Every structure is written in structure tokens, then in C-alpha cells.
Amino acid sequence: MKRTEPEITRIPEQKCPMCGKKLDATMEATEGKGAPEPGNYMICAGCASVLIFAEDNRFRPLTLEEAENLAHDEEAREQITEAVRRIRGMNAGLN
């Protein structure tokens, strides 16, 4: 099965709370996902920090409880690990 290009969704510009990189778009990490919804994970394209999309449509660092829940969610953990690997690889190629 041929995978199509990831869906990119524009969001109101905001800064990563960890590194300050300006973020104005999200890209799906798995097929069938579209615009971010509260509770979705996000990986910063600048520093590869794991963030969460909050109820106020802003990204924020995970709480301790959210990080513990993620540690027990094998599928999400594998997807995030792959996304972080890709981002770090892309960023390494830019240096």
C-alpha cells in the first residue's frame, strides 16, 4: 500500500515552550489523523521535545501524570520515538 504525503495542518503561530521555536503547522504522524485535538502529542520540529495539545489549542510540556501514561502506552511511545528520531535526523542534516 502506497503511503500518501502526511497531512499538514496550519495552526495559529506559537512558540515551543521548551526551545522557543516558532510553530505554525502540524504534520500527522499516523495515517487517519488530521488536525490536532486536545490530548494529542506533538513533537517540536526544533528541539524534538514531546509536547501535548491542550484544551486552549496551545502546546505545552507533558505533566508528570501524562508522561507516566505515555510510558505505559507502547504504541504511542513507538510512534513518538520514531518521530523524534526523524526530527533529530533532519535537524542534524541542517547543521
N, C-alpha and C. Protein backbone atom coordinates (compact mmCIF):
# COMPACT_ATOMS: atom_id res chain seq x y z
N MET A 1 0.85 -1.17 0.00
CA MET A 1 0.00 0.00 0.00
C MET A 1 0.90 1.24 0.00
N LYS A 2 0.67 2.15 -0.90
CA LYS A 2 1.46 3.36 -1.02
C LYS A 2 0.96 4.41 -0.03
N ARG A 3 1.88 4.94 0.75
CA ARG A 3 1.53 5.98 1.72
C ARG A 3 1.55 7.33 1.02
N THR A 4 0.54 8.11 1.26
CA THR A 4 0.49 9.45 0.70
C THR A 4 1.29 10.39 1.58
N GLU A 5 1.52 11.59 1.08
CA GLU A 5 2.23 12.60 1.86
C GLU A 5 1.46 12.89 3.14
N PRO A 6 2.17 13.15 4.24
CA PRO A 6 1.49 13.47 5.50
C PRO A 6 0.64 14.73 5.36
N GLU A 7 -0.47 14.72 6.06
CA GLU A 7 -1.35 15.89 6.05
C GLU A 7 -0.77 16.98 6.94
N ILE A 8 -0.65 18.18 6.40
CA ILE A 8 -0.14 19.32 7.15
C ILE A 8 -1.31 20.23 7.48
N THR A 9 -1.42 20.62 8.75
CA THR A 9 -2.48 21.49 9.22
C THR A 9 -1.86 22.76 9.77
N ARG A 10 -2.29 23.90 9.27
CA ARG A 10 -1.82 25.18 9.78
C ARG A 10 -2.52 25.47 11.10
N ILE A 11 -1.75 26.00 12.05
CA ILE A 11 -2.28 26.37 13.36
C ILE A 11 -1.84 27.81 13.65
N PRO A 12 -2.51 28.49 14.58
CA PRO A 12 -2.04 29.83 14.95
C PRO A 12 -0.60 29.73 15.47
N GLU A 13 0.24 30.66 15.02
CA GLU A 13 1.65 30.62 15.40
C GLU A 13 1.81 30.70 16.91
N GLN A 14 2.69 29.87 17.42
CA GLN A 14 3.04 29.87 18.83
C GLN A 14 4.48 29.41 18.94
N LYS A 15 5.06 29.55 20.11
CA LYS A 15 6.44 29.14 20.32
C LYS A 15 6.49 27.87 21.15
N CYS A 16 7.46 27.02 20.84
CA CYS A 16 7.68 25.83 21.65
C CYS A 16 8.03 26.30 23.06
N PRO A 17 7.35 25.77 24.09
CA PRO A 17 7.64 26.20 25.46
C PRO A 17 9.01 25.72 25.95
N MET A 18 9.65 24.85 25.20
CA MET A 18 10.95 24.32 25.62
C MET A 18 12.12 25.06 24.96
N CYS A 19 12.01 25.35 23.65
CA CYS A 19 13.14 25.95 22.94
C CYS A 19 12.83 27.30 22.30
N GLY A 20 11.55 27.67 22.23
CA GLY A 20 11.17 28.95 21.66
C GLY A 20 10.99 28.97 20.15
N LYS A 21 11.17 27.82 19.48
CA LYS A 21 10.98 27.77 18.03
C LYS A 21 9.55 28.13 17.68
N LYS A 22 9.39 28.95 16.64
CA LYS A 22 8.05 29.31 16.18
C LYS A 22 7.43 28.11 15.47
N LEU A 23 6.22 27.77 15.87
CA LEU A 23 5.48 26.65 15.31
C LEU A 23 4.19 27.17 14.71
N ASP A 24 3.93 26.84 13.45
CA ASP A 24 2.70 27.30 12.81
C ASP A 24 1.99 26.21 12.01
N ALA A 25 2.43 24.97 12.19
CA ALA A 25 1.81 23.86 11.47
C ALA A 25 2.06 22.56 12.22
N THR A 26 1.20 21.60 11.97
CA THR A 26 1.41 20.25 12.49
C THR A 26 1.38 19.30 11.31
N MET A 27 2.00 18.16 11.49
CA MET A 27 2.02 17.14 10.46
C MET A 27 1.64 15.83 11.13
N GLU A 28 0.74 15.11 10.52
CA GLU A 28 0.30 13.86 11.11
C GLU A 28 1.45 12.87 11.22
N ALA A 29 1.43 12.10 12.28
CA ALA A 29 2.43 11.06 12.48
C ALA A 29 1.89 9.69 12.10
N THR A 30 0.57 9.56 12.07
CA THR A 30 -0.04 8.29 11.72
C THR A 30 -1.15 8.54 10.71
N GLU A 31 -1.40 7.56 9.88
CA GLU A 31 -2.47 7.71 8.91
C GLU A 31 -3.82 7.82 9.61
N GLY A 32 -4.70 8.57 9.01
CA GLY A 32 -6.05 8.71 9.55
C GLY A 32 -6.19 9.82 10.56
N LYS A 33 -5.09 10.50 10.87
CA LYS A 33 -5.15 11.61 11.81
C LYS A 33 -5.13 12.91 11.02
N GLY A 34 -5.79 13.91 11.51
CA GLY A 34 -5.83 15.19 10.83
C GLY A 34 -5.38 16.30 11.74
N ALA A 35 -6.20 17.33 11.84
CA ALA A 35 -5.88 18.48 12.70
C ALA A 35 -5.72 18.01 14.15
N PRO A 36 -4.81 18.66 14.89
CA PRO A 36 -4.61 18.24 16.28
C PRO A 36 -5.85 18.50 17.13
N GLU A 37 -6.03 17.63 18.10
CA GLU A 37 -7.13 17.75 19.06
C GLU A 37 -6.54 17.73 20.46
N PRO A 38 -7.23 18.31 21.43
CA PRO A 38 -6.73 18.27 22.80
C PRO A 38 -6.37 16.84 23.21
N GLY A 39 -5.20 16.70 23.81
CA GLY A 39 -4.72 15.40 24.23
C GLY A 39 -3.75 14.76 23.25
N ASN A 40 -3.68 15.28 22.02
CA ASN A 40 -2.73 14.73 21.03
C ASN A 40 -1.31 15.13 21.40
N TYR A 41 -0.38 14.23 21.13
CA TYR A 41 1.02 14.53 21.33
C TYR A 41 1.55 15.31 20.14
N MET A 42 2.59 16.10 20.39
CA MET A 42 3.26 16.87 19.34
C MET A 42 4.74 16.82 19.65
N ILE A 43 5.54 16.73 18.61
CA ILE A 43 6.99 16.77 18.75
C ILE A 43 7.47 18.06 18.12
N CYS A 44 8.20 18.87 18.88
CA CYS A 44 8.71 20.14 18.35
C CYS A 44 9.71 19.86 17.23
N ALA A 45 9.56 20.56 16.12
CA ALA A 45 10.47 20.39 14.99
C ALA A 45 11.85 20.98 15.27
N GLY A 46 11.96 21.79 16.30
CA GLY A 46 13.25 22.40 16.63
C GLY A 46 14.07 21.58 17.60
N CYS A 47 13.48 21.24 18.73
CA CYS A 47 14.24 20.57 19.79
C CYS A 47 13.82 19.11 20.03
N ALA A 48 12.78 18.66 19.33
CA ALA A 48 12.25 17.30 19.44
C ALA A 48 11.66 17.00 20.82
N SER A 49 11.27 18.04 21.55
CA SER A 49 10.58 17.83 22.83
C SER A 49 9.18 17.28 22.59
N VAL A 50 8.75 16.39 23.46
CA VAL A 50 7.40 15.85 23.39
C VAL A 50 6.49 16.83 24.13
N LEU A 51 5.48 17.31 23.42
CA LEU A 51 4.50 18.26 23.97
C LEU A 51 3.12 17.65 23.84
N ILE A 52 2.14 18.31 24.40
CA ILE A 52 0.76 17.86 24.27
C ILE A 52 -0.10 19.05 23.84
N PHE A 53 -1.09 18.78 23.01
CA PHE A 53 -2.01 19.80 22.55
C PHE A 53 -3.07 19.96 23.62
N ALA A 54 -3.14 21.15 24.22
CA ALA A 54 -4.01 21.40 25.37
C ALA A 54 -5.39 21.87 24.94
N GLU A 55 -6.28 21.98 25.90
CA GLU A 55 -7.66 22.41 25.66
C GLU A 55 -7.74 23.82 25.06
N ASP A 56 -6.74 24.67 25.35
CA ASP A 56 -6.75 26.04 24.83
C ASP A 56 -6.09 26.15 23.45
N ASN A 57 -5.90 25.01 22.78
CA ASN A 57 -5.30 24.94 21.44
C ASN A 57 -3.86 25.42 21.43
N ARG A 58 -3.16 25.25 22.54
CA ARG A 58 -1.74 25.59 22.66
C ARG A 58 -0.98 24.30 23.00
N PHE A 59 0.29 24.28 22.66
CA PHE A 59 1.13 23.15 23.03
C PHE A 59 1.76 23.46 24.38
N ARG A 60 1.94 22.42 25.19
CA ARG A 60 2.58 22.58 26.49
C ARG A 60 3.34 21.30 26.81
N PRO A 61 4.30 21.40 27.73
CA PRO A 61 5.01 20.18 28.16
C PRO A 61 4.03 19.22 28.83
N LEU A 62 4.37 17.95 28.82
CA LEU A 62 3.54 16.95 29.48
C LEU A 62 3.65 17.10 30.99
N THR A 63 2.54 16.83 31.67
CA THR A 63 2.59 16.75 33.13
C THR A 63 3.26 15.42 33.50
N LEU A 64 3.62 15.27 34.75
CA LEU A 64 4.21 14.02 35.21
C LEU A 64 3.25 12.85 34.96
N GLU A 65 1.98 13.07 35.23
CA GLU A 65 0.97 12.01 35.02
C GLU A 65 0.89 11.64 33.54
N GLU A 66 0.89 12.64 32.64
CA GLU A 66 0.83 12.36 31.21
C GLU A 66 2.07 11.61 30.74
N ALA A 67 3.23 11.97 31.28
CA ALA A 67 4.47 11.28 30.92
C ALA A 67 4.43 9.83 31.40
N GLU A 68 3.90 9.60 32.59
CA GLU A 68 3.77 8.23 33.10
C GLU A 68 2.80 7.42 32.25
N ASN A 69 1.69 8.04 31.84
CA ASN A 69 0.73 7.34 30.97
C ASN A 69 1.38 6.98 29.63
N LEU A 70 2.16 7.91 29.08
CA LEU A 70 2.85 7.66 27.82
C LEU A 70 3.83 6.50 27.96
N ALA A 71 4.50 6.43 29.09
CA ALA A 71 5.47 5.36 29.32
C ALA A 71 4.82 3.98 29.26
N HIS A 72 3.51 3.92 29.54
CA HIS A 72 2.80 2.64 29.54
C HIS A 72 2.02 2.39 28.24
N ASP A 73 2.06 3.34 27.30
CA ASP A 73 1.34 3.21 26.03
C ASP A 73 2.36 2.85 24.95
N GLU A 74 2.55 1.56 24.72
CA GLU A 74 3.60 1.09 23.82
C GLU A 74 3.45 1.64 22.40
N GLU A 75 2.24 1.64 21.87
CA GLU A 75 2.04 2.12 20.50
C GLU A 75 2.40 3.61 20.38
N ALA A 76 1.90 4.42 21.28
CA ALA A 76 2.21 5.86 21.24
C ALA A 76 3.69 6.09 21.46
N ARG A 77 4.29 5.36 22.37
CA ARG A 77 5.71 5.50 22.65
C ARG A 77 6.55 5.17 21.42
N GLU A 78 6.19 4.13 20.70
CA GLU A 78 6.92 3.75 19.49
C GLU A 78 6.76 4.82 18.40
N GLN A 79 5.55 5.35 18.24
CA GLN A 79 5.33 6.40 17.24
C GLN A 79 6.12 7.66 17.59
N ILE A 80 6.13 8.03 18.85
CA ILE A 80 6.86 9.23 19.27
C ILE A 80 8.36 9.02 19.11
N THR A 81 8.85 7.84 19.47
CA THR A 81 10.27 7.55 19.31
C THR A 81 10.68 7.68 17.85
N GLU A 82 9.88 7.16 16.95
CA GLU A 82 10.17 7.26 15.51
C GLU A 82 10.14 8.71 15.05
N ALA A 83 9.15 9.48 15.50
CA ALA A 83 9.05 10.88 15.10
C ALA A 83 10.25 11.68 15.62
N VAL A 84 10.65 11.44 16.86
CA VAL A 84 11.81 12.13 17.43
C VAL A 84 13.06 11.77 16.64
N ARG A 85 13.22 10.50 16.29
CA ARG A 85 14.37 10.06 15.50
C ARG A 85 14.43 10.79 14.16
N ARG A 86 13.29 10.89 13.50
CA ARG A 86 13.25 11.58 12.20
C ARG A 86 13.58 13.06 12.33
N ILE A 87 13.00 13.70 13.33
CA ILE A 87 13.25 15.14 13.52
C ILE A 87 14.72 15.38 13.83
N ARG A 88 15.29 14.59 14.71
CA ARG A 88 16.71 14.77 15.04
C ARG A 88 17.58 14.51 13.81
N GLY A 89 17.20 13.54 12.99
CA GLY A 89 17.94 13.27 11.76
C GLY A 89 17.86 14.43 10.79
N MET A 90 16.67 14.99 10.63
CA MET A 90 16.50 16.15 9.73
C MET A 90 17.30 17.33 10.26
N ASN A 91 17.22 17.57 11.56
CA ASN A 91 17.94 18.70 12.16
C ASN A 91 19.46 18.52 12.05
N ALA A 92 19.93 17.30 12.18
CA ALA A 92 21.37 17.04 12.04
C ALA A 92 21.85 17.35 10.63
N GLY A 93 20.99 17.10 9.65
CA GLY A 93 21.33 17.38 8.27
C GLY A 93 21.36 18.86 7.94
N LEU A 94 20.76 19.68 8.80
CA LEU A 94 20.73 21.13 8.59
C LEU A 94 21.96 21.82 9.13
N ASN A 95 22.71 21.13 9.97
CA ASN A 95 23.90 21.75 10.60
C ASN A 95 25.11 21.66 9.69
